[in-house]
Amino acid sequence: ILTILGNSTVLATAVKRSSLLKSPELLTVNLAVADIGMALSMYPLAIASAWNHAWLGGDASCVYYALMGFLFGVCSMMTLCAMAVIRFLVTNSSKSNSNKITKNTVCILIAFIWLYSLLWAILPLVGWGYYGPEPFGISCTIAWSKFHNSSNGFSFILSMFLLCTVLPALTIVACYLGIAWKVHKAYQEIQNIDRIPNAAKLEKKLTLMAVLISVAFLSSWTPYAATSFWSIFNSSDSLQPVVTLLPCLFAKSSTAYNPLIYYVFSKTFRCEVRKLRCCCGWRVHYFSSDNSAENAVSTWWSG
């Protein structure tokens, strides 16, 4: 519920101010699309299976669920990586060079991210890697435990780990460390805090928001990655079901954090949310009112 409501609000505000969106903000929209896509395509089936105490739908639904999770997970990771790189380029470039990152460039980058994610999600379907149920039995993902004695499966895991996890994570960390060093040096040159320009303060706030989004995502998925790699080299029976379940739930919660971070750090987003609330409040009162003068006044004040 939090994921769908929060990210729907992000998309609604983006549509409302589409003409004012800057090119890097398109990546934020793409991240919201990936998060809400994961919630709509996966969570209802997982919730129903949890109530059923067993997986519903058999092998076909298991492969579908795992494919969606892999697709949207890789897409989110690569989007965060692209956000970090663009933020680094904007921070370390002159104003004229930063304007070269156009909306068309970002749209091409987003298309590449989706194609890259789709490629990795399809590979297990064509024989490189496997999809299968989680050890606790009410979710599906990459079948980590099948890679014990399979060189084919192990090469897939190693490649996926390097190209979809380690390399993007290192890029994110390196970019934000570079930005932090740049901001630190810039602030050292300005002795008086009152003389710091508003543009620099805004840049610092945007960078902090992007860092928190990346930290929330990586922190949510790290426990799951740890238990998954434990399953590669050890029997899945060595872990209690709750030990494998909790990291999985924590990883899925990553889709709900971003709108909260936007609301705390973005004044523009807060204003747009208030406008949406006022608009929705006006519509509710309007459609529920009758022809009485009292309800007409109530509708007018609500609007």
Foldseek 3Di string as FASTA:
>chain_A
DLLQVLLVLVLVLCVVPVVVDFQLCVLVNQLSVLLNQLCVQAVVQLVVLVVVQAHPDPPVSQLSNQLSCQLSLLLNLVSLLVSLVLLLCLLPDDPVVNPVSHNVNSVVVSVVSNVVSNVLSCVCVVPQFHKDADPSHRHIHTPLLVQQPDPSNVVSVVVCCVPRPVVSVVSNVVSLVSSVVSLVVVVVVPPDPVPDDPVSVLSVLVSVLSVVLSCQQCVLQVQQVVLSNVSNNDPPVVDDSVSNVVSVVSNSCSSSVNSVSCCVRPPSSVVSVVVVVLVVQLVVLVVVDDPDPVSVVVSVVSD
